[in-house]
Each structure stands twice: as structure tokens, then as C-alpha cells.
Amino acid sequence: MNINKMLLSKNKYSRPGIYMDKIKGIVIHYVGNPNTSAEANRNYFENLKYGTNNIYASSHYIIGIDGEIIMCVPEGEVAYHASKANYEYIGIECCHKYSDGKFSHKTINSLVMLCKDIISRYGNMDIIRHYDVTGKNCPLYYVKNTDEWKNILKLIEEDKMTTDEAVAVLKKNLRLEDSTIQFLLCYKFGDELVKRIAQNIK
């Protein structure tokens, strides 16, 4: 998974530089701007610094239609994306081709991988829609189609196994030695490899 860091300039409208109280979960959004790129939406947040329209808005990440990921605000800093949840939730904006707000398969794949990556670092957490915080129809398609939203959550849930849990499964079911486990973990994506093997035999 490649993440392009294009951090916003610190400013009161989109990157205030305030530290989050804690990281409790992730809020998923749609950009509401059909057929626009992740970079274009990132630049919109950046240009808010001029205060022309007195708008406060941003997110930690934006995922494009082709699955590209841009980081706008570092995790641990407040982004303005979900009212009261700003101080405890990471915000992810997703681009969409059409006005119905449905995400492309590439966008969903990147969203799932990004959420799994965040969970791997902070532990299990809530994954919610903007709608669940404020009642706003965001992400639009996944407010109107709750089964589709549940499918995304299911994809994320499928890989919530921790590395330690995966190692325990491998030792129990395959009776692998510690040296073999360490050999697997030494690969660049060793944690992911161990989890995948464990899930397939659990």
C-alpha cells in the first residue's frame, strides 16, 4: 500500500495542529464532488487556509477513484471532518465517479487496506460513517444502501487478527517452531503473510 504524503499547511481552517485526545475510531466520508481526484480534493482543503469562505474542513486521508491514497493531516492531529468526533476519530474521504457516491472497487480495496493498517497500529476500533455522527447523508451511497456498507465493514473485519494471534494459530495447527515463525516474519510483509496463512487454516 502506497501513501502519498501531501500534508496541508498548518492553518486554522484545515490543519489547526491540535493533538487528538485519543484515537478511538475511523469515520468514512465521500467527497460529494463526482469525478474529482484525490489531489484536487486535497488542494481544496489546502486553499481553505486563505479564509475566503470561512469554511473549516479537512480529513486525514483521501482515497482516489483509482485507489491512490493521499495523507493530508498526520494521524494524531485533529482534522475537521465530523464535528464532535474530530478529537477522537481519523477521517477518510473517498472519491467517487458518479453523483450517487458509490465507490469504485479500487477505492474500496484501498479503503479496506488503509483501515486494516490503522487498526494494526492502534488496535480494534469503531469504523463508522459521517452519517453515524451527525446524521448527514455521507457517504451518500452507503447511507442509502446499508447492506453495501455492511459489506465494506465485513471486508475490514476479515483481517482483524493480530500478528500474535496469527502466530498462535500457526504454532497450534502447523506446529511451527519459533525459528520458522521468525523466518516468515523477517520478510518485508511478514506480518501480513503470517496473518494470511493463519486465516486460511483457522
N, C-alpha and C. Protein backbone atom coordinates (compact mmCIF):
# COMPACT_ATOMS: atom_id res chain seq x y z
N MET A 1 0.84 -1.19 0.00
CA MET A 1 0.00 0.00 0.00
C MET A 1 0.88 1.25 0.00
N ASN A 2 0.68 2.10 -0.98
CA ASN A 2 1.46 3.32 -1.09
C ASN A 2 0.64 4.51 -0.64
N ILE A 3 1.19 5.29 0.27
CA ILE A 3 0.52 6.50 0.75
C ILE A 3 1.38 7.71 0.38
N ASN A 4 0.79 8.62 -0.35
CA ASN A 4 1.48 9.84 -0.77
C ASN A 4 1.24 10.93 0.26
N LYS A 5 2.28 11.33 0.97
CA LYS A 5 2.14 12.38 1.99
C LYS A 5 2.15 13.74 1.32
N MET A 6 1.01 14.40 1.35
CA MET A 6 0.88 15.76 0.85
C MET A 6 0.22 16.58 1.96
N LEU A 7 0.97 16.77 3.04
CA LEU A 7 0.40 17.38 4.24
C LEU A 7 -0.02 18.82 3.98
N LEU A 8 -1.17 19.17 4.55
CA LEU A 8 -1.66 20.53 4.46
C LEU A 8 -0.78 21.46 5.27
N SER A 9 -0.70 22.70 4.85
CA SER A 9 -0.01 23.72 5.65
C SER A 9 -0.80 23.92 6.93
N LYS A 10 -0.11 24.17 8.02
CA LYS A 10 -0.82 24.42 9.27
C LYS A 10 -1.57 25.75 9.17
N ASN A 11 -2.86 25.68 9.47
CA ASN A 11 -3.72 26.87 9.43
C ASN A 11 -4.99 26.56 10.19
N LYS A 12 -5.71 27.58 10.60
CA LYS A 12 -6.86 27.36 11.48
C LYS A 12 -8.06 26.75 10.78
N TYR A 13 -8.08 26.76 9.46
CA TYR A 13 -9.25 26.29 8.72
C TYR A 13 -9.21 24.80 8.35
N SER A 14 -8.02 24.25 8.17
CA SER A 14 -7.98 22.84 7.74
C SER A 14 -6.92 21.98 8.45
N ARG A 15 -5.92 22.61 9.03
CA ARG A 15 -4.95 21.84 9.82
C ARG A 15 -4.50 22.68 11.01
N PRO A 16 -5.29 22.65 12.09
CA PRO A 16 -5.02 23.53 13.22
C PRO A 16 -3.81 23.14 14.05
N GLY A 17 -3.29 21.92 13.86
CA GLY A 17 -2.13 21.50 14.63
C GLY A 17 -2.45 21.11 16.06
N ILE A 18 -3.72 20.84 16.33
CA ILE A 18 -4.16 20.42 17.66
C ILE A 18 -4.03 18.90 17.77
N TYR A 19 -3.52 18.42 18.88
CA TYR A 19 -3.40 16.98 19.06
C TYR A 19 -4.74 16.37 19.45
N MET A 20 -5.02 15.20 18.90
CA MET A 20 -6.25 14.48 19.24
C MET A 20 -6.18 13.99 20.68
N ASP A 21 -7.34 13.87 21.32
CA ASP A 21 -7.39 13.37 22.69
C ASP A 21 -6.94 11.91 22.74
N LYS A 22 -7.42 11.13 21.80
CA LYS A 22 -7.06 9.72 21.64
C LYS A 22 -7.59 9.30 20.27
N ILE A 23 -7.19 8.14 19.81
CA ILE A 23 -7.71 7.64 18.54
C ILE A 23 -8.65 6.48 18.83
N LYS A 24 -9.92 6.76 18.69
CA LYS A 24 -10.98 5.82 19.06
C LYS A 24 -11.55 5.07 17.86
N GLY A 25 -11.43 5.68 16.67
CA GLY A 25 -12.02 5.03 15.50
C GLY A 25 -11.76 5.79 14.22
N ILE A 26 -12.48 5.39 13.18
CA ILE A 26 -12.32 5.95 11.84
C ILE A 26 -13.69 6.35 11.32
N VAL A 27 -13.78 7.54 10.74
CA VAL A 27 -15.02 8.00 10.10
C VAL A 27 -14.81 8.01 8.59
N ILE A 28 -15.73 7.36 7.87
CA ILE A 28 -15.65 7.29 6.41
C ILE A 28 -16.59 8.33 5.79
N HIS A 29 -16.07 9.04 4.79
CA HIS A 29 -16.82 10.08 4.09
C HIS A 29 -16.79 9.84 2.58
N TYR A 30 -17.65 10.54 1.87
CA TYR A 30 -17.50 10.67 0.42
C TYR A 30 -17.28 12.14 0.12
N VAL A 31 -16.55 12.46 -0.94
CA VAL A 31 -16.19 13.86 -1.17
C VAL A 31 -17.37 14.70 -1.64
N GLY A 32 -18.41 14.05 -2.21
CA GLY A 32 -19.57 14.81 -2.66
C GLY A 32 -19.33 15.60 -3.93
N ASN A 33 -18.21 15.35 -4.55
CA ASN A 33 -17.77 16.07 -5.75
C ASN A 33 -17.46 15.05 -6.83
N PRO A 34 -18.45 14.62 -7.61
CA PRO A 34 -18.23 13.50 -8.54
C PRO A 34 -17.09 13.70 -9.52
N ASN A 35 -16.37 12.61 -9.77
CA ASN A 35 -15.32 12.56 -10.79
C ASN A 35 -14.19 13.56 -10.54
N THR A 36 -13.88 13.80 -9.27
CA THR A 36 -12.72 14.63 -8.93
C THR A 36 -11.64 13.74 -8.33
N SER A 37 -10.41 14.19 -8.42
CA SER A 37 -9.27 13.39 -7.96
C SER A 37 -8.99 13.60 -6.48
N ALA A 38 -8.23 12.69 -5.92
CA ALA A 38 -7.80 12.83 -4.53
C ALA A 38 -6.98 14.10 -4.35
N GLU A 39 -6.10 14.37 -5.31
CA GLU A 39 -5.26 15.56 -5.20
C GLU A 39 -6.07 16.85 -5.30
N ALA A 40 -7.08 16.86 -6.17
CA ALA A 40 -7.92 18.05 -6.29
C ALA A 40 -8.66 18.34 -4.99
N ASN A 41 -9.14 17.28 -4.34
CA ASN A 41 -9.82 17.47 -3.06
C ASN A 41 -8.85 17.86 -1.96
N ARG A 42 -7.65 17.34 -2.02
CA ARG A 42 -6.61 17.75 -1.08
C ARG A 42 -6.31 19.23 -1.25
N ASN A 43 -6.20 19.68 -2.49
CA ASN A 43 -5.90 21.08 -2.77
C ASN A 43 -7.03 22.00 -2.33
N TYR A 44 -8.26 21.50 -2.40
CA TYR A 44 -9.39 22.27 -1.89
C TYR A 44 -9.20 22.54 -0.40
N PHE A 45 -8.85 21.50 0.35
CA PHE A 45 -8.58 21.68 1.78
C PHE A 45 -7.44 22.67 2.01
N GLU A 46 -6.40 22.55 1.21
CA GLU A 46 -5.24 23.44 1.35
C GLU A 46 -5.64 24.90 1.14
N ASN A 47 -6.47 25.14 0.15
CA ASN A 47 -6.84 26.52 -0.19
C ASN A 47 -7.80 27.15 0.81
N LEU A 48 -8.35 26.35 1.70
CA LEU A 48 -9.20 26.91 2.75
C LEU A 48 -8.41 27.81 3.69
N LYS A 49 -7.09 27.66 3.70
CA LYS A 49 -6.24 28.44 4.61
C LYS A 49 -6.38 29.94 4.38
N TYR A 50 -6.82 30.32 3.20
CA TYR A 50 -6.96 31.75 2.90
C TYR A 50 -8.20 32.36 3.55
N GLY A 51 -9.10 31.52 4.04
CA GLY A 51 -10.25 32.01 4.79
C GLY A 51 -11.30 32.74 3.97
N THR A 52 -11.26 32.58 2.66
CA THR A 52 -12.17 33.33 1.79
C THR A 52 -13.63 33.07 2.12
N ASN A 53 -13.97 31.80 2.37
CA ASN A 53 -15.37 31.44 2.65
C ASN A 53 -15.60 31.04 4.10
N ASN A 54 -14.57 31.20 4.92
CA ASN A 54 -14.67 30.89 6.34
C ASN A 54 -15.16 29.46 6.59
N ILE A 55 -14.64 28.52 5.78
CA ILE A 55 -15.01 27.11 5.90
C ILE A 55 -13.91 26.34 6.63
N TYR A 56 -14.32 25.51 7.58
CA TYR A 56 -13.39 24.64 8.30
C TYR A 56 -13.63 23.21 7.83
N ALA A 57 -12.66 22.62 7.15
CA ALA A 57 -12.85 21.26 6.65
C ALA A 57 -11.51 20.62 6.30
N SER A 58 -11.43 19.31 6.50
CA SER A 58 -10.23 18.54 6.11
C SER A 58 -10.47 17.08 6.47
N SER A 59 -9.52 16.25 6.15
CA SER A 59 -9.53 14.85 6.57
C SER A 59 -8.08 14.39 6.68
N HIS A 60 -7.88 13.28 7.33
CA HIS A 60 -6.53 12.75 7.43
C HIS A 60 -6.07 12.14 6.11
N TYR A 61 -7.00 11.45 5.46
CA TYR A 61 -6.67 10.77 4.20
C TYR A 61 -7.74 11.05 3.16
N ILE A 62 -7.33 10.99 1.89
CA ILE A 62 -8.26 11.00 0.76
C ILE A 62 -7.88 9.84 -0.15
N ILE A 63 -8.88 9.06 -0.56
CA ILE A 63 -8.64 7.94 -1.47
C ILE A 63 -9.28 8.26 -2.81
N GLY A 64 -8.51 8.13 -3.88
CA GLY A 64 -8.98 8.47 -5.21
C GLY A 64 -9.77 7.36 -5.88
N ILE A 65 -10.34 7.68 -7.04
CA ILE A 65 -11.14 6.73 -7.80
C ILE A 65 -10.31 5.53 -8.24
N ASP A 66 -9.03 5.75 -8.49
CA ASP A 66 -8.14 4.65 -8.90
C ASP A 66 -7.42 4.01 -7.73
N GLY A 67 -7.82 4.38 -6.50
CA GLY A 67 -7.26 3.75 -5.31
C GLY A 67 -6.05 4.43 -4.72
N GLU A 68 -5.62 5.55 -5.32
CA GLU A 68 -4.47 6.25 -4.75
C GLU A 68 -4.85 6.85 -3.40
N ILE A 69 -3.88 6.91 -2.49
CA ILE A 69 -4.13 7.42 -1.14
C ILE A 69 -3.22 8.61 -0.87
N ILE A 70 -3.83 9.70 -0.40
CA ILE A 70 -3.08 10.89 0.00
C ILE A 70 -3.31 11.14 1.48
N MET A 71 -2.22 11.36 2.21
CA MET A 71 -2.33 11.80 3.61
C MET A 71 -2.29 13.32 3.64
N CYS A 72 -3.32 13.92 4.24
CA CYS A 72 -3.41 15.39 4.33
C CYS A 72 -3.03 15.92 5.71
N VAL A 73 -3.42 15.17 6.72
CA VAL A 73 -3.17 15.55 8.11
C VAL A 73 -2.59 14.34 8.83
N PRO A 74 -1.53 14.50 9.61
CA PRO A 74 -0.94 13.35 10.30
C PRO A 74 -1.93 12.74 11.30
N GLU A 75 -1.87 11.44 11.44
CA GLU A 75 -2.65 10.79 12.50
C GLU A 75 -2.17 11.35 13.83
N GLY A 76 -3.09 11.60 14.70
CA GLY A 76 -2.72 12.19 15.98
C GLY A 76 -3.02 13.67 16.04
N GLU A 77 -3.20 14.29 14.87
CA GLU A 77 -3.62 15.69 14.81
C GLU A 77 -5.10 15.75 14.43
N VAL A 78 -5.78 16.77 14.92
CA VAL A 78 -7.18 16.97 14.58
C VAL A 78 -7.34 17.38 13.13
N ALA A 79 -8.30 16.74 12.45
CA ALA A 79 -8.76 17.19 11.13
C ALA A 79 -10.23 17.55 11.29
N TYR A 80 -10.70 18.50 10.50
CA TYR A 80 -12.09 18.95 10.63
C TYR A 80 -12.99 18.19 9.67
N HIS A 81 -13.56 17.09 10.14
CA HIS A 81 -14.36 16.24 9.24
C HIS A 81 -15.66 15.72 9.83
N ALA A 82 -15.81 15.72 11.15
CA ALA A 82 -17.00 15.08 11.71
C ALA A 82 -17.41 15.68 13.05
N SER A 83 -17.45 16.99 13.13
CA SER A 83 -17.96 17.68 14.30
C SER A 83 -17.27 17.20 15.59
N LYS A 84 -18.05 16.70 16.53
CA LYS A 84 -17.52 16.32 17.85
C LYS A 84 -16.54 15.14 17.78
N ALA A 85 -16.60 14.38 16.68
CA ALA A 85 -15.70 13.22 16.54
C ALA A 85 -14.30 13.62 16.10
N ASN A 86 -14.09 14.88 15.77
CA ASN A 86 -12.79 15.33 15.27
C ASN A 86 -11.64 15.02 16.22
N TYR A 87 -11.93 15.03 17.52
CA TYR A 87 -10.87 14.89 18.51
C TYR A 87 -10.53 13.44 18.85
N GLU A 88 -11.29 12.49 18.28
CA GLU A 88 -11.06 11.08 18.60
C GLU A 88 -11.07 10.15 17.38
N TYR A 89 -11.42 10.67 16.21
CA TYR A 89 -11.58 9.81 15.03
C TYR A 89 -10.74 10.29 13.86
N ILE A 90 -10.12 9.34 13.18
CA ILE A 90 -9.41 9.60 11.93
C ILE A 90 -10.43 9.69 10.81
N GLY A 91 -10.29 10.69 9.95
CA GLY A 91 -11.23 10.89 8.85
C GLY A 91 -10.65 10.43 7.52
N ILE A 92 -11.43 9.67 6.77
CA ILE A 92 -11.02 9.22 5.43
C ILE A 92 -12.08 9.65 4.42
N GLU A 93 -11.70 10.49 3.48
CA GLU A 93 -12.58 10.90 2.38
C GLU A 93 -12.35 9.98 1.19
N CYS A 94 -13.44 9.59 0.54
CA CYS A 94 -13.33 8.72 -0.64
C CYS A 94 -13.93 9.41 -1.86
N CYS A 95 -13.18 9.42 -2.94
CA CYS A 95 -13.66 9.98 -4.20
C CYS A 95 -14.60 8.99 -4.87
N HIS A 96 -15.41 9.49 -5.78
CA HIS A 96 -16.40 8.66 -6.48
C HIS A 96 -16.65 9.25 -7.85
N LYS A 97 -16.93 8.39 -8.81
CA LYS A 97 -17.07 8.84 -10.19
C LYS A 97 -18.41 9.51 -10.46
N TYR A 98 -19.46 9.00 -9.83
CA TYR A 98 -20.81 9.48 -10.15
C TYR A 98 -21.48 10.11 -8.93
N SER A 99 -22.59 10.80 -9.19
CA SER A 99 -23.27 11.56 -8.14
C SER A 99 -23.93 10.68 -7.08
N ASP A 100 -24.11 9.39 -7.39
CA ASP A 100 -24.70 8.50 -6.38
C ASP A 100 -23.75 8.21 -5.23
N GLY A 101 -22.46 8.52 -5.44
CA GLY A 101 -21.48 8.37 -4.37
C GLY A 101 -20.92 6.98 -4.18
N LYS A 102 -21.23 6.06 -5.10
CA LYS A 102 -20.72 4.70 -4.96
C LYS A 102 -19.22 4.67 -5.24
N PHE A 103 -18.48 3.99 -4.38
CA PHE A 103 -17.02 3.89 -4.53
C PHE A 103 -16.66 2.83 -5.57
N SER A 104 -15.58 3.07 -6.29
CA SER A 104 -15.07 2.07 -7.23
C SER A 104 -14.45 0.91 -6.45
N HIS A 105 -14.26 -0.21 -7.14
CA HIS A 105 -13.62 -1.36 -6.49
C HIS A 105 -12.22 -1.00 -6.01
N LYS A 106 -11.50 -0.19 -6.79
CA LYS A 106 -10.15 0.20 -6.40
C LYS A 106 -10.17 1.08 -5.16
N THR A 107 -11.16 1.96 -5.09
CA THR A 107 -11.30 2.81 -3.90
C THR A 107 -11.61 1.96 -2.68
N ILE A 108 -12.51 1.01 -2.83
CA ILE A 108 -12.87 0.14 -1.70
C ILE A 108 -11.67 -0.69 -1.26
N ASN A 109 -10.93 -1.22 -2.21
CA ASN A 109 -9.75 -2.03 -1.85
C ASN A 109 -8.76 -1.21 -1.04
N SER A 110 -8.50 0.02 -1.47
CA SER A 110 -7.56 0.88 -0.74
C SER A 110 -8.12 1.27 0.62
N LEU A 111 -9.43 1.53 0.67
CA LEU A 111 -10.07 1.87 1.95
C LEU A 111 -9.92 0.73 2.94
N VAL A 112 -10.18 -0.47 2.49
CA VAL A 112 -10.07 -1.65 3.36
C VAL A 112 -8.63 -1.81 3.85
N MET A 113 -7.67 -1.70 2.94
CA MET A 113 -6.26 -1.85 3.33
C MET A 113 -5.83 -0.76 4.30
N LEU A 114 -6.27 0.47 4.05
CA LEU A 114 -5.89 1.58 4.93
C LEU A 114 -6.50 1.39 6.32
N CYS A 115 -7.76 1.01 6.38
CA CYS A 115 -8.39 0.78 7.68
C CYS A 115 -7.69 -0.35 8.44
N LYS A 116 -7.36 -1.42 7.74
CA LYS A 116 -6.65 -2.53 8.37
C LYS A 116 -5.29 -2.08 8.90
N ASP A 117 -4.62 -1.24 8.13
CA ASP A 117 -3.31 -0.73 8.55
C ASP A 117 -3.43 0.11 9.81
N ILE A 118 -4.43 0.97 9.85
CA ILE A 118 -4.65 1.81 11.03
C ILE A 118 -4.97 0.94 12.24
N ILE A 119 -5.85 -0.05 12.05
CA ILE A 119 -6.23 -0.95 13.13
C ILE A 119 -5.03 -1.74 13.64
N SER A 120 -4.13 -2.12 12.73
CA SER A 120 -2.95 -2.89 13.14
C SER A 120 -2.05 -2.09 14.07
N ARG A 121 -2.14 -0.77 13.98
CA ARG A 121 -1.27 0.09 14.80
C ARG A 121 -1.93 0.58 16.08
N TYR A 122 -3.25 0.68 16.08
CA TYR A 122 -3.95 1.24 17.25
C TYR A 122 -4.85 0.22 17.95
N GLY A 123 -5.04 -0.94 17.36
CA GLY A 123 -5.94 -1.92 17.94
C GLY A 123 -7.35 -1.78 17.37
N ASN A 124 -8.21 -2.73 17.71
CA ASN A 124 -9.58 -2.72 17.20
C ASN A 124 -10.29 -1.42 17.56
N MET A 125 -11.05 -0.90 16.62
CA MET A 125 -11.71 0.39 16.82
C MET A 125 -13.00 0.46 16.02
N ASP A 126 -13.78 1.50 16.29
CA ASP A 126 -15.02 1.72 15.57
C ASP A 126 -14.74 2.19 14.15
N ILE A 127 -15.47 1.65 13.19
CA ILE A 127 -15.45 2.15 11.81
C ILE A 127 -16.86 2.63 11.53
N ILE A 128 -17.04 3.93 11.37
CA ILE A 128 -18.38 4.49 11.23
C ILE A 128 -18.46 5.44 10.05
N ARG A 129 -19.69 5.75 9.67
CA ARG A 129 -19.93 6.73 8.61
C ARG A 129 -20.10 8.12 9.23
N HIS A 130 -19.86 9.14 8.44
CA HIS A 130 -20.14 10.51 8.86
C HIS A 130 -21.59 10.60 9.34
N TYR A 131 -22.46 9.91 8.64
CA TYR A 131 -23.89 9.85 8.98
C TYR A 131 -24.12 9.41 10.42
N ASP A 132 -23.31 8.48 10.90
CA ASP A 132 -23.48 7.94 12.25
C ASP A 132 -23.13 8.94 13.33
N VAL A 133 -22.40 10.00 12.94
CA VAL A 133 -22.01 11.03 13.90
C VAL A 133 -22.98 12.21 13.88
N THR A 134 -23.30 12.68 12.68
CA THR A 134 -24.06 13.93 12.55
C THR A 134 -25.43 13.77 11.87
N GLY A 135 -25.70 12.60 11.28
CA GLY A 135 -26.95 12.43 10.55
C GLY A 135 -26.88 12.93 9.12
N LYS A 136 -25.72 13.44 8.71
CA LYS A 136 -25.55 13.90 7.33
C LYS A 136 -25.50 12.69 6.39
N ASN A 137 -26.06 12.83 5.19
CA ASN A 137 -26.07 11.72 4.23
C ASN A 137 -24.70 11.53 3.58
N CYS A 138 -23.79 11.09 4.37
CA CYS A 138 -22.39 10.92 3.95
C CYS A 138 -21.83 9.68 4.66
N PRO A 139 -21.24 8.78 3.91
CA PRO A 139 -21.12 8.71 2.45
C PRO A 139 -22.46 8.30 1.83
N LEU A 140 -22.95 9.12 0.91
CA LEU A 140 -24.32 9.04 0.42
C LEU A 140 -24.79 7.64 0.04
N TYR A 141 -24.05 6.97 -0.84
CA TYR A 141 -24.46 5.65 -1.33
C TYR A 141 -24.56 4.65 -0.19
N TYR A 142 -23.70 4.79 0.80
CA TYR A 142 -23.61 3.81 1.88
C TYR A 142 -24.51 4.17 3.05
N VAL A 143 -25.16 5.33 2.98
CA VAL A 143 -26.26 5.64 3.88
C VAL A 143 -27.55 5.06 3.31
N LYS A 144 -27.70 5.20 2.00
CA LYS A 144 -28.91 4.70 1.32
C LYS A 144 -28.89 3.18 1.15
N ASN A 145 -27.71 2.61 1.11
CA ASN A 145 -27.57 1.16 0.87
C ASN A 145 -26.77 0.54 2.02
N THR A 146 -27.47 0.28 3.11
CA THR A 146 -26.78 -0.18 4.32
C THR A 146 -26.12 -1.55 4.14
N ASP A 147 -26.68 -2.39 3.28
CA ASP A 147 -26.06 -3.70 3.05
C ASP A 147 -24.68 -3.55 2.41
N GLU A 148 -24.55 -2.56 1.52
CA GLU A 148 -23.25 -2.30 0.90
C GLU A 148 -22.25 -1.81 1.94
N TRP A 149 -22.73 -0.99 2.87
CA TRP A 149 -21.86 -0.53 3.96
C TRP A 149 -21.42 -1.72 4.82
N LYS A 150 -22.36 -2.60 5.12
CA LYS A 150 -22.02 -3.78 5.92
C LYS A 150 -20.99 -4.66 5.21
N ASN A 151 -21.06 -4.70 3.89
CA ASN A 151 -20.09 -5.48 3.12
C ASN A 151 -18.68 -4.91 3.27
N ILE A 152 -18.58 -3.58 3.27
CA ILE A 152 -17.27 -2.95 3.47
C ILE A 152 -16.74 -3.28 4.87
N LEU A 153 -17.61 -3.16 5.86
CA LEU A 153 -17.19 -3.49 7.23
C LEU A 153 -16.74 -4.95 7.34
N LYS A 154 -17.44 -5.82 6.63
CA LYS A 154 -17.08 -7.24 6.65
C LYS A 154 -15.69 -7.45 6.07
N LEU A 155 -15.38 -6.75 4.98
CA LEU A 155 -14.05 -6.86 4.38
C LEU A 155 -12.97 -6.41 5.35
N ILE A 156 -13.26 -5.35 6.10
CA ILE A 156 -12.29 -4.85 7.09
C ILE A 156 -12.16 -5.83 8.25
N GLU A 157 -13.29 -6.36 8.69
CA GLU A 157 -13.30 -7.29 9.83
C GLU A 157 -12.54 -8.58 9.53
N GLU A 158 -12.52 -8.98 8.26
CA GLU A 158 -11.90 -10.26 7.90
C GLU A 158 -10.44 -10.36 8.30
N ASP A 159 -9.78 -9.23 8.46
CA ASP A 159 -8.35 -9.28 8.74
C ASP A 159 -7.99 -8.56 10.03
N LYS A 160 -8.86 -8.68 11.03
CA LYS A 160 -8.56 -8.01 12.30
C LYS A 160 -7.68 -8.87 13.20
N MET A 161 -7.31 -10.05 12.75
CA MET A 161 -6.42 -10.91 13.51
C MET A 161 -5.08 -10.21 13.73
N THR A 162 -4.61 -10.20 14.96
CA THR A 162 -3.31 -9.60 15.23
C THR A 162 -2.20 -10.57 14.84
N THR A 163 -0.98 -10.05 14.76
CA THR A 163 0.16 -10.91 14.43
C THR A 163 0.35 -11.98 15.49
N ASP A 164 0.22 -11.60 16.76
CA ASP A 164 0.38 -12.57 17.85
C ASP A 164 -0.66 -13.68 17.77
N GLU A 165 -1.90 -13.30 17.44
CA GLU A 165 -2.96 -14.31 17.30
C GLU A 165 -2.66 -15.24 16.13
N ALA A 166 -2.15 -14.66 15.04
CA ALA A 166 -1.80 -15.47 13.87
C ALA A 166 -0.68 -16.45 14.19
N VAL A 167 0.33 -15.98 14.92
CA VAL A 167 1.44 -16.85 15.32
C VAL A 167 0.94 -18.01 16.17
N ALA A 168 0.02 -17.72 17.08
CA ALA A 168 -0.54 -18.76 17.94
C ALA A 168 -1.27 -19.82 17.11
N VAL A 169 -2.00 -19.38 16.08
CA VAL A 169 -2.71 -20.31 15.20
C VAL A 169 -1.72 -21.20 14.46
N LEU A 170 -0.65 -20.60 13.94
CA LEU A 170 0.36 -21.37 13.20
C LEU A 170 1.05 -22.40 14.09
N LYS A 171 1.35 -22.00 15.30
CA LYS A 171 2.01 -22.93 16.23
C LYS A 171 1.09 -24.09 16.59
N LYS A 172 -0.18 -23.77 16.82
CA LYS A 172 -1.13 -24.80 17.25
C LYS A 172 -1.48 -25.76 16.11
N ASN A 173 -1.75 -25.21 14.94
CA ASN A 173 -2.26 -26.03 13.84
C ASN A 173 -1.18 -26.62 12.93
N LEU A 174 -0.08 -25.89 12.78
CA LEU A 174 1.01 -26.39 11.92
C LEU A 174 2.22 -26.83 12.71
N ARG A 175 2.20 -26.54 14.02
CA ARG A 175 3.30 -26.91 14.92
C ARG A 175 4.64 -26.36 14.42
N LEU A 176 4.60 -25.12 14.00
CA LEU A 176 5.83 -24.48 13.52
C LEU A 176 6.71 -24.07 14.69
N GLU A 177 8.01 -24.20 14.49
CA GLU A 177 8.98 -23.78 15.51
C GLU A 177 9.10 -22.25 15.51
N ASP A 178 9.59 -21.70 16.62
CA ASP A 178 9.80 -20.25 16.71
C ASP A 178 10.73 -19.76 15.60
N SER A 179 11.74 -20.54 15.28
CA SER A 179 12.70 -20.13 14.25
C SER A 179 12.02 -20.00 12.88
N THR A 180 11.07 -20.88 12.61
CA THR A 180 10.33 -20.82 11.34
C THR A 180 9.42 -19.59 11.31
N ILE A 181 8.78 -19.32 12.44
CA ILE A 181 7.92 -18.13 12.54
C ILE A 181 8.74 -16.87 12.30
N GLN A 182 9.89 -16.79 12.94
CA GLN A 182 10.75 -15.61 12.77
C GLN A 182 11.23 -15.47 11.34
N PHE A 183 11.47 -16.60 10.68
CA PHE A 183 11.89 -16.58 9.28
C PHE A 183 10.79 -15.96 8.41
N LEU A 184 9.54 -16.34 8.68
CA LEU A 184 8.41 -15.79 7.94
C LEU A 184 8.24 -14.29 8.21
N LEU A 185 8.41 -13.92 9.48
CA LEU A 185 8.20 -12.52 9.87
C LEU A 185 9.28 -11.58 9.35
N CYS A 186 10.43 -12.13 8.99
CA CYS A 186 11.54 -11.27 8.56
C CYS A 186 11.31 -10.68 7.17
N TYR A 187 10.36 -11.23 6.42
CA TYR A 187 10.04 -10.66 5.11
C TYR A 187 9.46 -9.26 5.28
N LYS A 188 9.55 -8.46 4.21
CA LYS A 188 9.04 -7.08 4.25
C LYS A 188 7.58 -7.04 4.68
N PHE A 189 6.77 -7.97 4.17
CA PHE A 189 5.36 -8.03 4.52
C PHE A 189 5.08 -9.28 5.35
N GLY A 190 6.00 -9.59 6.25
CA GLY A 190 5.91 -10.80 7.04
C GLY A 190 4.67 -10.89 7.90
N ASP A 191 4.30 -9.79 8.55
CA ASP A 191 3.11 -9.80 9.40
C ASP A 191 1.87 -10.18 8.59
N GLU A 192 1.76 -9.57 7.40
CA GLU A 192 0.62 -9.84 6.53
C GLU A 192 0.63 -11.30 6.07
N LEU A 193 1.82 -11.80 5.75
CA LEU A 193 1.96 -13.19 5.30
C LEU A 193 1.50 -14.16 6.37
N VAL A 194 1.96 -13.94 7.60
CA VAL A 194 1.61 -14.82 8.71
C VAL A 194 0.09 -14.80 8.96
N LYS A 195 -0.50 -13.60 8.89
CA LYS A 195 -1.95 -13.49 9.09
C LYS A 195 -2.73 -14.23 8.01
N ARG A 196 -2.27 -14.08 6.76
CA ARG A 196 -2.96 -14.73 5.64
C ARG A 196 -2.92 -16.26 5.78
N ILE A 197 -1.75 -16.77 6.16
CA ILE A 197 -1.63 -18.22 6.33
C ILE A 197 -2.55 -18.69 7.45
N ALA A 198 -2.54 -17.95 8.56
CA ALA A 198 -3.35 -18.34 9.72
C ALA A 198 -4.84 -18.32 9.40
N GLN A 199 -5.27 -17.30 8.64
CA GLN A 199 -6.70 -17.20 8.31
C GLN A 199 -7.15 -18.37 7.44
N ASN A 200 -6.26 -18.86 6.61
CA ASN A 200 -6.61 -19.94 5.69
C ASN A 200 -6.66 -21.32 6.35
N ILE A 201 -6.10 -21.40 7.55
CA ILE A 201 -6.10 -22.71 8.22
C ILE A 201 -6.91 -22.71 9.51
N LYS A 202 -7.36 -21.51 9.91
CA LYS A 202 -8.06 -21.41 11.20
C LYS A 202 -9.39 -22.15 11.17
